[in-house]
Amino acid sequence: MKKVKIYVTLRESILDPQGSAVQGSLVKMGYAEVEDLRIGKYLELTIKDTERDIDTLVKEMCEKVLTNVVIEDYRYEVEEAN
């Protein structure tokens, strides 16, 4: 089995109003060092052993279902599941 960790973020060119709101709150709370903040998603999948190529499988899932490829970027890591 494989464990896949997927990190999804808004593309750099897309405004992140949620991130801006949280960053503004942190500054008001005394954390003026926080200059920028962007919010994203983290997904963790456990995939049973398959003859299919794991990279192809993950890319297909990300591009068809798990992300909005128009406004989001993603990266992933694959490791052996315990």
PDB file of N, CA and C in Angstrom:
ATOM      1  N   MET A   1       0.842  -1.187   0.000  1.00  0.00           N
ATOM      2  CA  MET A   1       0.000   0.000   0.000  1.00  0.00           C
ATOM      3  C   MET A   1       0.880   1.241   0.000  1.00  0.00           C
ATOM      4  N   LYS A   2       0.327   2.290  -0.564  1.00  0.00           N
ATOM      5  CA  LYS A   2       1.034   3.568  -0.638  1.00  0.00           C
ATOM      6  C   LYS A   2       0.215   4.631   0.085  1.00  0.00           C
ATOM      7  N   LYS A   3       0.939   5.545   0.721  1.00  0.00           N
ATOM      8  CA  LYS A   3       0.306   6.724   1.300  1.00  0.00           C
ATOM      9  C   LYS A   3       0.703   7.898   0.412  1.00  0.00           C
ATOM     10  N   VAL A   4      -0.300   8.657  -0.034  1.00  0.00           N
ATOM     11  CA  VAL A   4      -0.059   9.808  -0.895  1.00  0.00           C
ATOM     12  C   VAL A   4      -0.503  11.061  -0.159  1.00  0.00           C
ATOM     13  N   LYS A   5       0.418  11.999  -0.042  1.00  0.00           N
ATOM     14  CA  LYS A   5       0.120  13.297   0.590  1.00  0.00           C
ATOM     15  C   LYS A   5       0.037  14.331  -0.521  1.00  0.00           C
ATOM     16  N   ILE A   6      -1.117  14.994  -0.619  1.00  0.00           N
ATOM     17  CA  ILE A   6      -1.352  15.964  -1.685  1.00  0.00           C
ATOM     18  C   ILE A   6      -1.531  17.347  -1.067  1.00  0.00           C
ATOM     19  N   TYR A   7      -0.787  18.315  -1.593  1.00  0.00           N
ATOM     20  CA  TYR A   7      -0.843  19.701  -1.128  1.00  0.00           C
ATOM     21  C   TYR A   7      -1.416  20.544  -2.267  1.00  0.00           C
ATOM     22  N   VAL A   8      -2.523  21.233  -1.991  1.00  0.00           N
ATOM     23  CA  VAL A   8      -3.208  22.032  -3.003  1.00  0.00           C
ATOM     24  C   VAL A   8      -3.172  23.495  -2.570  1.00  0.00           C
ATOM     25  N   THR A   9      -2.751  24.357  -3.488  1.00  0.00           N
ATOM     26  CA  THR A   9      -2.706  25.799  -3.206  1.00  0.00           C
ATOM     27  C   THR A   9      -3.299  26.562  -4.379  1.00  0.00           C
ATOM     28  N   LEU A  10      -3.761  27.759  -4.093  1.00  0.00           N
ATOM     29  CA  LEU A  10      -4.218  28.624  -5.177  1.00  0.00           C
ATOM     30  C   LEU A  10      -3.005  29.021  -6.013  1.00  0.00           C
ATOM     31  N   ARG A  11      -3.209  29.169  -7.313  1.00  0.00           N
ATOM     32  CA  ARG A  11      -2.126  29.646  -8.167  1.00  0.00           C
ATOM     33  C   ARG A  11      -1.676  31.019  -7.680  1.00  0.00           C
ATOM     34  N   GLU A  12      -0.421  31.323  -7.894  1.00  0.00           N
ATOM     35  CA  GLU A  12       0.148  32.589  -7.423  1.00  0.00           C
ATOM     36  C   GLU A  12      -0.617  33.797  -7.969  1.00  0.00           C
ATOM     37  N   SER A  13      -1.157  33.679  -9.184  1.00  0.00           N
ATOM     38  CA  SER A  13      -1.863  34.796  -9.816  1.00  0.00           C
ATOM     39  C   SER A  13      -3.289  34.983  -9.293  1.00  0.00           C
ATOM     40  N   ILE A  14      -3.770  34.072  -8.467  1.00  0.00           N
ATOM     41  CA  ILE A  14      -5.137  34.133  -7.941  1.00  0.00           C
ATOM     42  C   ILE A  14      -5.125  34.776  -6.558  1.00  0.00           C
ATOM     43  N   LEU A  15      -5.985  35.752  -6.354  1.00  0.00           N
ATOM     44  CA  LEU A  15      -6.094  36.392  -5.041  1.00  0.00           C
ATOM     45  C   LEU A  15      -6.621  35.390  -4.016  1.00  0.00           C
ATOM     46  N   ASP A  16      -6.149  35.506  -2.793  1.00  0.00           N
ATOM     47  CA  ASP A  16      -6.566  34.612  -1.711  1.00  0.00           C
ATOM     48  C   ASP A  16      -7.186  35.442  -0.591  1.00  0.00           C
ATOM     49  N   PRO A  17      -8.487  35.776  -0.703  1.00  0.00           N
ATOM     50  CA  PRO A  17      -9.112  36.631   0.312  1.00  0.00           C
ATOM     51  C   PRO A  17      -9.125  35.987   1.699  1.00  0.00           C
ATOM     52  N   GLN A  18      -9.244  34.678   1.762  1.00  0.00           N
ATOM     53  CA  GLN A  18      -9.230  34.006   3.065  1.00  0.00           C
ATOM     54  C   GLN A  18      -7.843  34.141   3.708  1.00  0.00           C
ATOM     55  N   GLY A  19      -6.806  33.948   2.925  1.00  0.00           N
ATOM     56  CA  GLY A  19      -5.450  34.109   3.434  1.00  0.00           C
ATOM     57  C   GLY A  19      -5.185  35.534   3.882  1.00  0.00           C
ATOM     58  N   SER A  20      -5.676  36.506   3.102  1.00  0.00           N
ATOM     59  CA  SER A  20      -5.503  37.913   3.463  1.00  0.00           C
ATOM     60  C   SER A  20      -6.209  38.242   4.774  1.00  0.00           C
ATOM     61  N   ALA A  21      -7.399  37.689   4.967  1.00  0.00           N
ATOM     62  CA  ALA A  21      -8.150  37.937   6.200  1.00  0.00           C
ATOM     63  C   ALA A  21      -7.420  37.363   7.407  1.00  0.00           C
ATOM     64  N   VAL A  22      -6.902  36.154   7.286  1.00  0.00           N
ATOM     65  CA  VAL A  22      -6.177  35.529   8.395  1.00  0.00           C
ATOM     66  C   VAL A  22      -4.881  36.285   8.670  1.00  0.00           C
ATOM     67  N   GLN A  23      -4.186  36.688   7.617  1.00  0.00           N
ATOM     68  CA  GLN A  23      -2.946  37.454   7.789  1.00  0.00           C
ATOM     69  C   GLN A  23      -3.232  38.769   8.508  1.00  0.00           C
ATOM     70  N   GLY A  24      -4.319  39.446   8.113  1.00  0.00           N
ATOM     71  CA  GLY A  24      -4.700  40.693   8.782  1.00  0.00           C
ATOM     72  C   GLY A  24      -5.012  40.482  10.252  1.00  0.00           C
ATOM     73  N   SER A  25      -5.679  39.391  10.569  1.00  0.00           N
ATOM     74  CA  SER A  25      -5.989  39.076  11.966  1.00  0.00           C
ATOM     75  C   SER A  25      -4.718  38.817  12.765  1.00  0.00           C
ATOM     76  N   LEU A  26      -3.776  38.103  12.167  1.00  0.00           N
ATOM     77  CA  LEU A  26      -2.517  37.838  12.871  1.00  0.00           C
ATOM     78  C   LEU A  26      -1.758  39.122  13.154  1.00  0.00           C
ATOM     79  N   VAL A  27      -1.744  40.029  12.190  1.00  0.00           N
ATOM     80  CA  VAL A  27      -1.072  41.317  12.401  1.00  0.00           C
ATOM     81  C   VAL A  27      -1.739  42.072  13.547  1.00  0.00           C
ATOM     82  N   LYS A  28      -3.076  42.085  13.573  1.00  0.00           N
ATOM     83  CA  LYS A  28      -3.800  42.777  14.641  1.00  0.00           C
ATOM     84  C   LYS A  28      -3.550  42.140  16.006  1.00  0.00           C
ATOM     85  N   MET A  29      -3.235  40.858  16.006  1.00  0.00           N
ATOM     86  CA  MET A  29      -2.961  40.153  17.263  1.00  0.00           C
ATOM     87  C   MET A  29      -1.512  40.317  17.710  1.00  0.00           C
ATOM     88  N   GLY A  30      -0.734  41.087  16.962  1.00  0.00           N
ATOM     89  CA  GLY A  30       0.645  41.347  17.366  1.00  0.00           C
ATOM     90  C   GLY A  30       1.696  40.559  16.608  1.00  0.00           C
ATOM     91  N   TYR A  31       1.293  39.856  15.572  1.00  0.00           N
ATOM     92  CA  TYR A  31       2.241  39.083  14.773  1.00  0.00           C
ATOM     93  C   TYR A  31       2.540  39.823  13.470  1.00  0.00           C
ATOM     94  N   ALA A  32       3.092  41.034  13.620  1.00  0.00           N
ATOM     95  CA  ALA A  32       3.362  41.900  12.466  1.00  0.00           C
ATOM     96  C   ALA A  32       4.404  41.312  11.529  1.00  0.00           C
ATOM     97  N   GLU A  33       5.122  40.318  11.974  1.00  0.00           N
ATOM     98  CA  GLU A  33       6.146  39.686  11.131  1.00  0.00           C
ATOM     99  C   GLU A  33       5.534  38.909   9.962  1.00  0.00           C
ATOM    100  N   VAL A  34       4.260  38.541  10.087  1.00  0.00           N
ATOM    101  CA  VAL A  34       3.611  37.776   9.026  1.00  0.00           C
ATOM    102  C   VAL A  34       3.272  38.730   7.888  1.00  0.00           C
ATOM    103  N   GLU A  35       4.034  38.620   6.824  1.00  0.00           N
ATOM    104  CA  GLU A  35       3.891  39.536   5.692  1.00  0.00           C
ATOM    105  C   GLU A  35       2.851  39.053   4.678  1.00  0.00           C
ATOM    106  N   ASP A  36       2.739  37.747   4.499  1.00  0.00           N
ATOM    107  CA  ASP A  36       1.795  37.193   3.536  1.00  0.00           C
ATOM    108  C   ASP A  36       1.358  35.823   4.028  1.00  0.00           C
ATOM    109  N   LEU A  37       0.137  35.431   3.712  1.00  0.00           N
ATOM    110  CA  LEU A  37      -0.378  34.130   4.125  1.00  0.00           C
ATOM    111  C   LEU A  37      -1.327  33.642   3.048  1.00  0.00           C
ATOM    112  N   ARG A  38      -1.165  32.393   2.650  1.00  0.00           N
ATOM    113  CA  ARG A  38      -2.056  31.790   1.671  1.00  0.00           C
ATOM    114  C   ARG A  38      -2.611  30.505   2.253  1.00  0.00           C
ATOM    115  N   ILE A  39      -3.885  30.273   2.040  1.00  0.00           N
ATOM    116  CA  ILE A  39      -4.583  29.107   2.560  1.00  0.00           C
ATOM    117  C   ILE A  39      -4.620  28.033   1.471  1.00  0.00           C
ATOM    118  N   GLY A  40      -4.447  26.787   1.880  1.00  0.00           N
ATOM    119  CA  GLY A  40      -4.501  25.687   0.927  1.00  0.00           C
ATOM    120  C   GLY A  40      -5.233  24.491   1.520  1.00  0.00           C
ATOM    121  N   LYS A  41      -5.107  23.347   0.844  1.00  0.00           N
ATOM    122  CA  LYS A  41      -5.733  22.106   1.302  1.00  0.00           C
ATOM    123  C   LYS A  41      -4.659  21.027   1.390  1.00  0.00           C
ATOM    124  N   TYR A  42      -4.864  20.102   2.315  1.00  0.00           N
ATOM    125  CA  TYR A  42      -3.997  18.938   2.451  1.00  0.00           C
ATOM    126  C   TYR A  42      -4.872  17.703   2.399  1.00  0.00           C
ATOM    127  N   LEU A  43      -4.533  16.775   1.530  1.00  0.00           N
ATOM    128  CA  LEU A  43      -5.281  15.529   1.414  1.00  0.00           C
ATOM    129  C   LEU A  43      -4.312  14.374   1.611  1.00  0.00           C
ATOM    130  N   GLU A  44      -4.788  13.333   2.246  1.00  0.00           N
ATOM    131  CA  GLU A  44      -3.968  12.150   2.451  1.00  0.00           C
ATOM    132  C   GLU A  44      -4.757  10.935   1.979  1.00  0.00           C
ATOM    133  N   LEU A  45      -4.195  10.213   1.030  1.00  0.00           N
ATOM    134  CA  LEU A  45      -4.853   9.042   0.466  1.00  0.00           C
ATOM    135  C   LEU A  45      -4.046   7.799   0.797  1.00  0.00           C
ATOM    136  N   THR A  46      -4.713   6.705   1.064  1.00  0.00           N
ATOM    137  CA  THR A  46      -4.064   5.406   1.145  1.00  0.00           C
ATOM    138  C   THR A  46      -4.555   4.613  -0.054  1.00  0.00           C
ATOM    139  N   ILE A  47      -3.613   4.192  -0.877  1.00  0.00           N
ATOM    140  CA  ILE A  47      -3.954   3.506  -2.113  1.00  0.00           C
ATOM    141  C   ILE A  47      -3.435   2.075  -2.041  1.00  0.00           C
ATOM    142  N   LYS A  48      -4.339   1.123  -2.257  1.00  0.00           N
ATOM    143  CA  LYS A  48      -3.927  -0.277  -2.208  1.00  0.00           C
ATOM    144  C   LYS A  48      -3.008  -0.593  -3.388  1.00  0.00           C
ATOM    145  N   ASP A  49      -2.254  -1.655  -3.250  1.00  0.00           N
ATOM    146  CA  ASP A  49      -1.325  -2.062  -4.301  1.00  0.00           C
ATOM    147  C   ASP A  49      -2.071  -2.275  -5.615  1.00  0.00           C
ATOM    148  N   THR A  50      -1.482  -1.772  -6.680  1.00  0.00           N
ATOM    149  CA  THR A  50      -2.086  -1.851  -7.999  1.00  0.00           C
ATOM    150  C   THR A  50      -0.990  -1.976  -9.044  1.00  0.00           C
ATOM    151  N   GLU A  51      -1.349  -2.492 -10.178  1.00  0.00           N
ATOM    152  CA  GLU A  51      -0.396  -2.580 -11.277  1.00  0.00           C
ATOM    153  C   GLU A  51      -0.330  -1.267 -12.049  1.00  0.00           C
ATOM    154  N   ARG A  52      -1.285  -0.380 -11.796  1.00  0.00           N
ATOM    155  CA  ARG A  52      -1.289   0.926 -12.459  1.00  0.00           C
ATOM    156  C   ARG A  52      -0.149   1.779 -11.917  1.00  0.00           C
ATOM    157  N   ASP A  53       0.375   2.647 -12.750  1.00  0.00           N
ATOM    158  CA  ASP A  53       1.438   3.560 -12.332  1.00  0.00           C
ATOM    159  C   ASP A  53       0.884   4.553 -11.310  1.00  0.00           C
ATOM    160  N   ILE A  54       1.505   4.601 -10.132  1.00  0.00           N
ATOM    161  CA  ILE A  54       0.983   5.432  -9.035  1.00  0.00           C
ATOM    162  C   ILE A  54       0.989   6.920  -9.392  1.00  0.00           C
ATOM    163  N   ASP A  55       2.027   7.388 -10.094  1.00  0.00           N
ATOM    164  CA  ASP A  55       2.076   8.802 -10.469  1.00  0.00           C
ATOM    165  C   ASP A  55       0.954   9.159 -11.433  1.00  0.00           C
ATOM    166  N   THR A  56       0.717   8.310 -12.398  1.00  0.00           N
ATOM    167  CA  THR A  56      -0.370   8.551 -13.354  1.00  0.00           C
ATOM    168  C   THR A  56      -1.716   8.544 -12.635  1.00  0.00           C
ATOM    169  N   LEU A  57      -1.893   7.605 -11.740  1.00  0.00           N
ATOM    170  CA  LEU A  57      -3.135   7.490 -10.981  1.00  0.00           C
ATOM    171  C   LEU A  57      -3.409   8.756 -10.168  1.00  0.00           C
ATOM    172  N   VAL A  58      -2.395   9.220  -9.433  1.00  0.00           N
ATOM    173  CA  VAL A  58      -2.552  10.411  -8.585  1.00  0.00           C
ATOM    174  C   VAL A  58      -2.801  11.647  -9.438  1.00  0.00           C
ATOM    175  N   LYS A  59      -2.059  11.806 -10.519  1.00  0.00           N
ATOM    176  CA  LYS A  59      -2.255  12.971 -11.391  1.00  0.00           C
ATOM    177  C   LYS A  59      -3.668  12.987 -11.966  1.00  0.00           C
ATOM    178  N   GLU A  60      -4.163  11.826 -12.397  1.00  0.00           N
ATOM    179  CA  GLU A  60      -5.530  11.764 -12.927  1.00  0.00           C
ATOM    180  C   GLU A  60      -6.548  12.173 -11.872  1.00  0.00           C
ATOM    181  N   MET A  61      -6.398  11.650 -10.649  1.00  0.00           N
ATOM    182  CA  MET A  61      -7.350  11.992  -9.585  1.00  0.00           C
ATOM    183  C   MET A  61      -7.304  13.478  -9.269  1.00  0.00           C
ATOM    184  N   CYS A  62      -6.098  14.034  -9.204  1.00  0.00           N
ATOM    185  CA  CYS A  62      -5.963  15.455  -8.888  1.00  0.00           C
ATOM    186  C   CYS A  62      -6.585  16.322  -9.975  1.00  0.00           C
ATOM    187  N   GLU A  63      -6.316  15.996 -11.212  1.00  0.00           N
ATOM    188  CA  GLU A  63      -6.769  16.848 -12.312  1.00  0.00           C
ATOM    189  C   GLU A  63      -8.242  16.669 -12.655  1.00  0.00           C
ATOM    190  N   LYS A  64      -8.825  15.515 -12.301  1.00  0.00           N
ATOM    191  CA  LYS A  64     -10.240  15.282 -12.615  1.00  0.00           C
ATOM    192  C   LYS A  64     -11.177  15.594 -11.456  1.00  0.00           C
ATOM    193  N   VAL A  65     -10.700  15.396 -10.195  1.00  0.00           N
ATOM    194  CA  VAL A  65     -11.624  15.485  -9.067  1.00  0.00           C
ATOM    195  C   VAL A  65     -11.110  16.350  -7.917  1.00  0.00           C
ATOM    196  N   LEU A  66      -9.877  16.164  -7.523  1.00  0.00           N
ATOM    197  CA  LEU A  66      -9.405  16.724  -6.252  1.00  0.00           C
ATOM    198  C   LEU A  66      -8.992  18.187  -6.309  1.00  0.00           C
ATOM    199  N   THR A  67      -8.709  18.714  -7.496  1.00  0.00           N
ATOM    200  CA  THR A  67      -8.317  20.121  -7.605  1.00  0.00           C
ATOM    201  C   THR A  67      -9.079  20.796  -8.732  1.00  0.00           C
ATOM    202  N   ASN A  68      -9.082  22.102  -8.703  1.00  0.00           N
ATOM    203  CA  ASN A  68      -9.593  22.898  -9.811  1.00  0.00           C
ATOM    204  C   ASN A  68      -8.357  23.411 -10.547  1.00  0.00           C
ATOM    205  N   VAL A  69      -7.984  22.741 -11.621  1.00  0.00           N
ATOM    206  CA  VAL A  69      -6.721  23.052 -12.296  1.00  0.00           C
ATOM    207  C   VAL A  69      -6.677  24.452 -12.900  1.00  0.00           C
ATOM    208  N   VAL A  70      -7.802  25.112 -13.006  1.00  0.00           N
ATOM    209  CA  VAL A  70      -7.831  26.472 -13.540  1.00  0.00           C
ATOM    210  C   VAL A  70      -7.246  27.452 -12.523  1.00  0.00           C
ATOM    211  N   ILE A  71      -7.527  27.237 -11.232  1.00  0.00           N
ATOM    212  CA  ILE A  71      -7.084  28.200 -10.220  1.00  0.00           C
ATOM    213  C   ILE A  71      -6.157  27.606  -9.158  1.00  0.00           C
ATOM    214  N   GLU A  72      -5.943  26.288  -9.182  1.00  0.00           N
ATOM    215  CA  GLU A  72      -5.139  25.654  -8.139  1.00  0.00           C
ATOM    216  C   GLU A  72      -3.943  24.898  -8.724  1.00  0.00           C
ATOM    217  N   ASP A  73      -2.872  24.876  -7.953  1.00  0.00           N
ATOM    218  CA  ASP A  73      -1.709  24.048  -8.229  1.00  0.00           C
ATOM    219  C   ASP A  73      -1.689  22.943  -7.190  1.00  0.00           C
ATOM    220  N   TYR A  74      -0.988  21.856  -7.502  1.00  0.00           N
ATOM    221  CA  TYR A  74      -0.853  20.784  -6.525  1.00  0.00           C
ATOM    222  C   TYR A  74       0.515  20.145  -6.652  1.00  0.00           C
ATOM    223  N   ARG A  75       0.925  19.536  -5.575  1.00  0.00           N
ATOM    224  CA  ARG A  75       2.116  18.697  -5.562  1.00  0.00           C
ATOM    225  C   ARG A  75       1.810  17.540  -4.637  1.00  0.00           C
ATOM    226  N   TYR A  76       2.552  16.463  -4.777  1.00  0.00           N
ATOM    227  CA  TYR A  76       2.260  15.301  -3.943  1.00  0.00           C
ATOM    228  C   TYR A  76       3.529  14.520  -3.645  1.00  0.00           C
ATOM    229  N   GLU A  77       3.435  13.726  -2.590  1.00  0.00           N
ATOM    230  CA  GLU A  77       4.513  12.842  -2.164  1.00  0.00           C
ATOM    231  C   GLU A  77       3.927  11.454  -2.016  1.00  0.00           C
ATOM    232  N   VAL A  78       4.675  10.450  -2.434  1.00  0.00           N
ATOM    233  CA  VAL A  78       4.231   9.062  -2.303  1.00  0.00           C
ATOM    234  C   VAL A  78       5.215   8.348  -1.386  1.00  0.00           C
ATOM    235  N   GLU A  79       4.674   7.622  -0.411  1.00  0.00           N
ATOM    236  CA  GLU A  79       5.523   6.837   0.490  1.00  0.00           C
ATOM    237  C   GLU A  79       4.840   5.520   0.798  1.00  0.00           C
ATOM    238  N   GLU A  80       5.586   4.601   1.305  1.00  0.00           N
ATOM    239  CA  GLU A  80       5.032   3.312   1.705  1.00  0.00           C
ATOM    240  C   GLU A  80       4.143   3.512   2.920  1.00  0.00           C
ATOM    241  N   ALA A  81       2.949   2.917   2.898  1.00  0.00           N
ATOM    242  CA  ALA A  81       2.052   2.981   4.056  1.00  0.00           C
ATOM    243  C   ALA A  81       2.501   1.941   5.079  1.00  0.00           C
ATOM    244  N   ASN A  82       2.286   2.242   6.325  1.00  0.00           N
ATOM    245  CA  ASN A  82       2.678   1.293   7.400  1.00  0.00           C
ATOM    246  C   ASN A  82       1.705   0.154   7.499  1.00  0.00           C
TER     247      ASN A  82
END
